[in-house]
């Protein structure tokens, strides 16, 4: 899933970069408004989840760069003013995600992770399902971005996970 995440982000960001900056920022009536705002939401949510995952007793070294970073509470925040800055942060996050995914063991997935949501409400849920949610959330919102890009006349190409699965 981490490899699929990187692959799709590279495709989506390359597609978005073919549009003029004002088109990337234009409100298109989507849940987060623009292509940029939707991509920002994914990056902000990924950062929040990775920070939560950093509290796992496995103490993943890959998540070290995110420890101590102030936790964003606004899921609609756009901390990166343009697509170039957001792309740079996305590449950083995708590297962290791939390194983290390599470190997660079967035993780690059985752990119940305690965390606070953005409203400060406490939860304790199975780590396996939180990791699945993490990747599913990205896929959901990238689907929205793919639609916005298609409506803007940009073809993202194949988005199927099966495109990355080797033949046997």
Protein backbone atom coordinates (compact mmCIF):
# COMPACT_ATOMS: atom_id res chain seq x y z
CA UNK A 1 0.00 0.00 0.00
CA UNK A 2 2.91 2.36 0.69
CA UNK A 3 4.30 1.75 -2.81
CA UNK A 4 0.84 2.32 -4.32
CA UNK A 5 0.53 5.50 -2.27
CA UNK A 6 3.81 6.89 -3.65
CA UNK A 7 3.01 5.80 -7.21
CA UNK A 8 -0.41 7.47 -7.16
CA UNK A 9 0.87 10.62 -5.51
CA UNK A 10 3.56 10.95 -8.17
CA UNK A 11 0.92 10.55 -10.90
CA UNK A 12 -1.55 12.97 -9.31
CA UNK A 13 1.01 15.65 -8.53
CA UNK A 14 2.54 15.40 -12.03
CA UNK A 15 -0.94 15.73 -13.52
CA UNK A 16 -1.76 18.73 -11.32
CA UNK A 17 1.52 20.38 -12.31
CA UNK A 18 0.33 20.49 -15.94
CA UNK A 19 -2.35 22.99 -14.93
CA UNK A 20 -1.72 26.69 -14.42
CA UNK A 21 -1.35 27.53 -10.69
CA UNK A 22 -4.66 29.40 -10.60
CA UNK A 23 -6.44 26.27 -11.90
CA UNK A 24 -4.89 24.15 -9.12
CA UNK A 25 -6.12 26.69 -6.56
CA UNK A 26 -9.55 27.25 -8.17
CA UNK A 27 -12.59 26.30 -6.12
CA UNK A 28 -14.19 23.45 -8.05
CA UNK A 29 -17.06 22.78 -5.66
CA UNK A 30 -15.43 19.70 -4.15
CA UNK A 31 -15.58 18.91 -0.44
CA UNK A 32 -12.31 20.79 0.19
CA UNK A 33 -12.87 23.14 -2.75
CA UNK A 34 -9.77 22.99 -4.91
CA UNK A 35 -7.26 20.43 -6.12
CA UNK A 36 -4.66 22.12 -3.91
CA UNK A 37 -6.90 22.11 -0.84
CA UNK A 38 -7.75 18.42 -1.30
CA UNK A 39 -4.08 17.48 -1.72
CA UNK A 40 -3.31 19.60 1.35
CA UNK A 41 -5.93 17.74 3.35
CA UNK A 42 -4.34 14.40 2.46
CA UNK A 43 -0.90 15.66 3.51
CA UNK A 44 -2.20 17.14 6.77
CA UNK A 45 -4.17 13.98 7.63
CA UNK A 46 -1.20 11.76 6.75
CA UNK A 47 1.00 13.81 9.06
CA UNK A 48 -1.52 13.55 11.89
CA UNK A 49 -1.84 9.77 11.50
CA UNK A 50 1.92 9.26 11.27
CA UNK A 51 2.35 11.28 14.45
CA UNK A 52 -0.20 9.03 16.14
CA UNK A 53 1.60 5.96 14.81
CA UNK A 54 4.83 7.32 16.33
CA UNK A 55 3.30 6.62 19.77
CA UNK A 56 3.28 2.87 19.03
CA UNK A 57 5.52 0.93 21.45
CA UNK A 58 7.57 -0.28 18.45
CA UNK A 59 9.01 3.27 18.38
CA UNK A 60 9.50 3.30 14.60
CA UNK A 61 12.72 5.11 13.68
CA UNK A 62 11.18 6.10 10.35
CA UNK A 63 8.68 8.32 12.19
CA UNK A 64 11.36 10.22 14.12
CA UNK A 65 11.18 13.29 11.80
CA UNK A 66 7.52 13.77 12.80
CA UNK A 67 7.97 13.50 16.56
CA UNK A 68 7.76 16.87 18.23
CA UNK A 69 6.19 18.58 15.21
CA UNK A 70 3.12 20.53 16.36
CA UNK A 71 -0.03 18.53 15.68
CA UNK A 72 -2.36 20.17 13.18
CA UNK A 73 -5.95 20.42 14.40
CA UNK A 74 -7.47 21.88 11.22
CA UNK A 75 -8.05 19.16 8.63
CA UNK A 76 -8.69 21.84 6.01
CA UNK A 77 -5.42 23.65 6.67
CA UNK A 78 -3.25 24.53 3.68
CA UNK A 79 0.21 24.99 5.19
CA UNK A 80 1.92 24.92 1.78
CA UNK A 81 1.09 27.95 -0.35
CA UNK A 82 1.77 26.47 -3.75
CA UNK A 83 1.92 23.14 -5.51
CA UNK A 84 5.74 23.06 -5.58
CA UNK A 85 5.99 23.35 -1.78
CA UNK A 86 3.19 20.83 -1.29
CA UNK A 87 4.89 18.43 -3.74
CA UNK A 88 8.15 18.65 -1.81
CA UNK A 89 6.35 17.86 1.45
CA UNK A 90 4.43 15.03 -0.21
CA UNK A 91 7.69 13.41 -1.37
CA UNK A 92 9.04 13.69 2.17
CA UNK A 93 5.89 12.08 3.61
CA UNK A 94 5.90 9.29 1.03
CA UNK A 95 9.49 8.44 1.97
CA UNK A 96 8.54 8.33 5.65
CA UNK A 97 5.48 6.20 4.87
CA UNK A 98 7.48 3.65 2.87
CA UNK A 99 10.17 3.40 5.55
CA UNK A 100 7.52 3.06 8.29
CA UNK A 101 5.61 0.38 6.35
CA UNK A 102 8.81 -1.65 5.98
CA UNK A 103 9.27 -1.57 9.76
CA UNK A 104 5.75 -2.65 10.77
CA UNK A 105 5.66 -6.28 11.91
CA UNK A 106 2.72 -8.67 12.19
CA UNK A 107 2.93 -8.40 15.99
CA UNK A 108 2.80 -4.60 15.76
CA UNK A 109 -0.55 -4.82 13.97
CA UNK A 110 -2.12 -6.62 16.94
CA UNK A 111 -1.49 -3.64 19.24
CA UNK A 112 -4.32 -1.34 20.32
CA UNK A 113 -3.26 2.26 19.75
CA UNK A 114 -4.53 5.02 22.01
CA UNK A 115 -4.77 8.47 20.41
CA UNK A 116 -6.65 11.76 20.47
CA UNK A 117 -8.56 12.97 17.43
CA UNK A 118 -8.35 16.59 16.23
CA UNK A 119 -11.11 17.57 18.68
CA UNK A 120 -9.21 16.05 21.60
CA UNK A 121 -11.48 13.00 21.96
CA UNK A 122 -9.72 9.84 23.15
CA UNK A 123 -9.82 6.56 21.20
CA UNK A 124 -8.17 3.17 21.49
CA UNK A 125 -8.38 1.07 18.33
CA UNK A 126 -6.60 -1.87 16.70
CA UNK A 127 -3.46 -0.68 14.92
CA UNK A 128 -4.17 -2.93 11.93
CA UNK A 129 -7.46 -1.16 11.24
CA UNK A 130 -5.94 2.27 11.78
CA UNK A 131 -3.23 1.48 9.23
CA UNK A 132 -5.89 0.30 6.79
CA UNK A 133 -7.85 3.49 7.39
CA UNK A 134 -4.69 5.52 6.78
CA UNK A 135 -4.24 4.08 3.29
CA UNK A 136 -7.97 4.00 2.50
CA UNK A 137 -8.29 7.68 3.42
CA UNK A 138 -5.57 8.61 0.94
CA UNK A 139 -7.22 6.56 -1.80
CA UNK A 140 -10.60 8.14 -1.14
CA UNK A 141 -9.37 11.71 -1.47
CA UNK A 142 -7.03 10.97 -4.39
CA UNK A 143 -10.15 9.70 -6.15
CA UNK A 144 -11.69 13.12 -5.60
CA UNK A 145 -8.56 14.80 -6.99
CA UNK A 146 -8.59 12.46 -9.99
CA UNK A 147 -12.16 13.54 -10.72
CA UNK A 148 -11.24 17.23 -10.40
CA UNK A 149 -8.28 16.75 -12.73
CA UNK A 150 -10.43 14.88 -15.24
CA UNK A 151 -12.99 17.69 -15.14
CA UNK A 152 -10.11 20.11 -15.84
CA UNK A 153 -9.14 18.06 -18.92
CA UNK A 154 -6.15 16.24 -17.39
CA UNK A 155 -5.94 12.45 -17.76
CA UNK A 156 -4.21 10.84 -14.77
CA UNK A 157 -4.07 7.43 -16.45
CA UNK A 158 -4.51 4.13 -14.65
CA UNK A 159 -5.17 4.38 -10.94
CA UNK A 160 -5.67 0.67 -10.32
CA UNK A 161 -3.67 -1.00 -7.58
CA UNK A 162 -3.57 -4.06 -9.80
CA UNK A 163 -1.25 -2.15 -12.14
CA UNK A 164 1.49 -2.58 -9.51
CA UNK A 165 0.87 -6.25 -8.82
CA UNK A 166 3.28 -8.59 -10.62
CA UNK A 167 2.02 -11.48 -12.72
CA UNK A 168 2.53 -14.95 -11.25
